[in-house]
């Protein structure tokens, strides 16, 4: 099983790009904290969100500093930088993954979950 779950804060505003098939991808940088033996460790995680519904929510509601819960799967990445091949990991968020808004320094209220209806219940 390849499953990653994170709770953290967005380190910067989300970035968006268009794929050749017309779909959009959101790129996020999420910072998490871990405490061990009295020390605090901060880790940065790169995420690519392919779930189109989540991309729309991220574009509408997410900004630097927001606290989120997100699930996805770990994926190896490879790129060229200054003539050298670099390797790393990212978390891919696809159609079966989740996003929850846990808090924002800018807003008092969070978006309501989308229940798929066009009316108020």
C-alpha atoms as a PDB file:
ATOM      1  CA  UNK A   1       0.000   0.000   0.000  1.00  0.00           C
ATOM      2  CA  UNK A   2       1.296   3.458  -0.929  1.00  0.00           C
ATOM      3  CA  UNK A   3      -0.629   5.999   1.175  1.00  0.00           C
ATOM      4  CA  UNK A   4       0.546   9.307   2.675  1.00  0.00           C
ATOM      5  CA  UNK A   5      -1.489  11.468   5.063  1.00  0.00           C
ATOM      6  CA  UNK A   6      -0.302  14.907   6.173  1.00  0.00           C
ATOM      7  CA  UNK A   7      -1.519  17.699   8.390  1.00  0.00           C
ATOM      8  CA  UNK A   8       0.466  20.865   7.871  1.00  0.00           C
ATOM      9  CA  UNK A   9       0.552  24.466   6.754  1.00  0.00           C
ATOM     10  CA  UNK A  10       0.960  25.751   3.221  1.00  0.00           C
ATOM     11  CA  UNK A  11       4.439  27.246   2.924  1.00  0.00           C
ATOM     12  CA  UNK A  12       3.420  29.391  -0.062  1.00  0.00           C
ATOM     13  CA  UNK A  13       0.418  30.147  -2.232  1.00  0.00           C
ATOM     14  CA  UNK A  14      -0.567  27.234  -4.486  1.00  0.00           C
ATOM     15  CA  UNK A  15       0.718  27.277  -8.065  1.00  0.00           C
ATOM     16  CA  UNK A  16      -1.296  26.013 -11.025  1.00  0.00           C
ATOM     17  CA  UNK A  17      -0.418  24.685 -14.459  1.00  0.00           C
ATOM     18  CA  UNK A  18      -2.399  23.360 -17.403  1.00  0.00           C
ATOM     19  CA  UNK A  19      -1.761  19.906 -18.843  1.00  0.00           C
ATOM     20  CA  UNK A  20      -1.964  19.148 -22.556  1.00  0.00           C
ATOM     21  CA  UNK A  21      -5.342  17.389 -22.063  1.00  0.00           C
ATOM     22  CA  UNK A  22      -6.887  20.585 -20.648  1.00  0.00           C
ATOM     23  CA  UNK A  23      -6.797  19.480 -17.005  1.00  0.00           C
ATOM     24  CA  UNK A  24      -5.171  21.584 -14.298  1.00  0.00           C
ATOM     25  CA  UNK A  25      -2.645  20.578 -11.654  1.00  0.00           C
ATOM     26  CA  UNK A  26      -2.121  22.383  -8.350  1.00  0.00           C
ATOM     27  CA  UNK A  27       1.361  22.363  -6.823  1.00  0.00           C
ATOM     28  CA  UNK A  28       1.534  22.765  -3.052  1.00  0.00           C
ATOM     29  CA  UNK A  29       4.337  22.977  -0.528  1.00  0.00           C
ATOM     30  CA  UNK A  30       3.191  21.733   2.903  1.00  0.00           C
ATOM     31  CA  UNK A  31       5.259  22.090   6.080  1.00  0.00           C
ATOM     32  CA  UNK A  32       4.794  19.599   8.920  1.00  0.00           C
ATOM     33  CA  UNK A  33       6.201  19.588  12.444  1.00  0.00           C
ATOM     34  CA  UNK A  34       7.345  16.650  14.545  1.00  0.00           C
ATOM     35  CA  UNK A  35       8.522  16.746  18.143  1.00  0.00           C
ATOM     36  CA  UNK A  36      10.996  14.213  19.457  1.00  0.00           C
ATOM     37  CA  UNK A  37      13.034  14.291  22.659  1.00  0.00           C
ATOM     38  CA  UNK A  38      12.193  17.936  23.271  1.00  0.00           C
ATOM     39  CA  UNK A  39      13.214  19.093  19.786  1.00  0.00           C
ATOM     40  CA  UNK A  40      10.967  20.348  17.006  1.00  0.00           C
ATOM     41  CA  UNK A  41      11.639  19.185  13.453  1.00  0.00           C
ATOM     42  CA  UNK A  42      10.076  20.872  10.436  1.00  0.00           C
ATOM     43  CA  UNK A  43       9.777  19.009   7.132  1.00  0.00           C
ATOM     44  CA  UNK A  44       8.728  20.340   3.732  1.00  0.00           C
ATOM     45  CA  UNK A  45       6.641  18.215   1.356  1.00  0.00           C
ATOM     46  CA  UNK A  46       5.905  18.827  -2.331  1.00  0.00           C
ATOM     47  CA  UNK A  47       2.456  17.849  -3.561  1.00  0.00           C
ATOM     48  CA  UNK A  48       0.897  17.686  -7.021  1.00  0.00           C
ATOM     49  CA  UNK A  49      -2.907  17.635  -6.977  1.00  0.00           C
ATOM     50  CA  UNK A  50      -4.509  15.973 -10.024  1.00  0.00           C
ATOM     51  CA  UNK A  51      -8.031  15.595  -8.585  1.00  0.00           C
ATOM     52  CA  UNK A  52      -9.933  18.273 -10.565  1.00  0.00           C
ATOM     53  CA  UNK A  53     -12.489  18.872  -7.821  1.00  0.00           C
ATOM     54  CA  UNK A  54      -9.722  19.464  -5.281  1.00  0.00           C
ATOM     55  CA  UNK A  55      -7.816  21.705  -7.712  1.00  0.00           C
ATOM     56  CA  UNK A  56     -10.929  23.913  -7.934  1.00  0.00           C
ATOM     57  CA  UNK A  57     -11.242  24.076  -4.120  1.00  0.00           C
ATOM     58  CA  UNK A  58      -7.540  24.830  -3.697  1.00  0.00           C
ATOM     59  CA  UNK A  59      -7.725  27.616  -6.280  1.00  0.00           C
ATOM     60  CA  UNK A  60     -10.748  29.125  -4.548  1.00  0.00           C
ATOM     61  CA  UNK A  61      -9.860  28.721  -0.860  1.00  0.00           C
ATOM     62  CA  UNK A  62      -6.158  27.936  -0.229  1.00  0.00           C
ATOM     63  CA  UNK A  63      -3.340  30.381   0.448  1.00  0.00           C
ATOM     64  CA  UNK A  64      -0.026  30.525   2.270  1.00  0.00           C
ATOM     65  CA  UNK A  65      -0.379  29.762   5.981  1.00  0.00           C
ATOM     66  CA  UNK A  66      -3.563  27.674   5.726  1.00  0.00           C
ATOM     67  CA  UNK A  67      -3.634  24.442   7.720  1.00  0.00           C
ATOM     68  CA  UNK A  68      -4.846  21.425   5.730  1.00  0.00           C
ATOM     69  CA  UNK A  69      -5.179  17.663   5.921  1.00  0.00           C
ATOM     70  CA  UNK A  70      -4.368  15.941   2.639  1.00  0.00           C
ATOM     71  CA  UNK A  71      -3.904  12.351   1.535  1.00  0.00           C
ATOM     72  CA  UNK A  72      -2.117  10.979  -1.507  1.00  0.00           C
ATOM     73  CA  UNK A  73       0.575   8.547  -2.595  1.00  0.00           C
ATOM     74  CA  UNK A  74       4.358   8.840  -2.671  1.00  0.00           C
ATOM     75  CA  UNK A  75       5.957   9.134  -6.116  1.00  0.00           C
ATOM     76  CA  UNK A  76       9.600   9.373  -7.239  1.00  0.00           C
ATOM     77  CA  UNK A  77      10.533  12.430  -9.300  1.00  0.00           C
ATOM     78  CA  UNK A  78      13.494  13.230 -11.532  1.00  0.00           C
ATOM     79  CA  UNK A  79      14.600  16.574 -13.013  1.00  0.00           C
ATOM     80  CA  UNK A  80      17.616  18.393 -14.447  1.00  0.00           C
ATOM     81  CA  UNK A  81      19.208  21.281 -12.565  1.00  0.00           C
ATOM     82  CA  UNK A  82      22.426  23.024 -13.597  1.00  0.00           C
ATOM     83  CA  UNK A  83      23.317  20.092 -15.858  1.00  0.00           C
ATOM     84  CA  UNK A  84      22.870  17.521 -13.095  1.00  0.00           C
ATOM     85  CA  UNK A  85      20.134  14.945 -12.700  1.00  0.00           C
ATOM     86  CA  UNK A  86      18.309  15.335  -9.388  1.00  0.00           C
ATOM     87  CA  UNK A  87      15.948  12.918  -7.671  1.00  0.00           C
ATOM     88  CA  UNK A  88      13.297  13.433  -5.029  1.00  0.00           C
ATOM     89  CA  UNK A  89       9.808  12.575  -3.914  1.00  0.00           C
ATOM     90  CA  UNK A  90       6.443  14.207  -4.222  1.00  0.00           C
ATOM     91  CA  UNK A  91       2.992  13.332  -2.976  1.00  0.00           C
ATOM     92  CA  UNK A  92       0.526  12.789  -5.812  1.00  0.00           C
ATOM     93  CA  UNK A  93      -3.098  13.573  -4.920  1.00  0.00           C
ATOM     94  CA  UNK A  94      -5.476  11.801  -7.276  1.00  0.00           C
ATOM     95  CA  UNK A  95      -9.174  11.072  -7.738  1.00  0.00           C
ATOM     96  CA  UNK A  96      -9.547   8.890  -4.620  1.00  0.00           C
ATOM     97  CA  UNK A  97      -7.622  11.165  -2.248  1.00  0.00           C
ATOM     98  CA  UNK A  98      -8.831  13.760   0.249  1.00  0.00           C
ATOM     99  CA  UNK A  99      -8.390  17.384   1.289  1.00  0.00           C
ATOM    100  CA  UNK A 100      -9.797  19.046   4.411  1.00  0.00           C
ATOM    101  CA  UNK A 101      -9.445  22.665   5.475  1.00  0.00           C
ATOM    102  CA  UNK A 102      -8.377  22.841   9.136  1.00  0.00           C
ATOM    103  CA  UNK A 103      -7.881  26.560   9.565  1.00  0.00           C
ATOM    104  CA  UNK A 104      -6.810  29.787   7.979  1.00  0.00           C
ATOM    105  CA  UNK A 105      -5.121  32.849   9.448  1.00  0.00           C
ATOM    106  CA  UNK A 106      -7.185  35.055   7.052  1.00  0.00           C
ATOM    107  CA  UNK A 107     -10.729  33.719   7.453  1.00  0.00           C
ATOM    108  CA  UNK A 108     -13.088  33.086  10.302  1.00  0.00           C
ATOM    109  CA  UNK A 109     -15.196  30.582   8.377  1.00  0.00           C
ATOM    110  CA  UNK A 110     -14.082  27.708   6.194  1.00  0.00           C
ATOM    111  CA  UNK A 111     -15.754  26.506   3.004  1.00  0.00           C
ATOM    112  CA  UNK A 112     -18.605  24.082   3.465  1.00  0.00           C
ATOM    113  CA  UNK A 113     -18.023  20.541   2.162  1.00  0.00           C
ATOM    114  CA  UNK A 114     -19.419  20.023  -1.335  1.00  0.00           C
ATOM    115  CA  UNK A 115     -22.281  17.548  -1.013  1.00  0.00           C
ATOM    116  CA  UNK A 116     -22.923  17.466  -4.758  1.00  0.00           C
ATOM    117  CA  UNK A 117     -26.213  19.371  -4.545  1.00  0.00           C
ATOM    118  CA  UNK A 118     -27.109  22.712  -6.123  1.00  0.00           C
ATOM    119  CA  UNK A 119     -29.432  23.641  -3.262  1.00  0.00           C
ATOM    120  CA  UNK A 120     -29.181  24.244   0.456  1.00  0.00           C
ATOM    121  CA  UNK A 121     -30.349  21.261   2.496  1.00  0.00           C
END
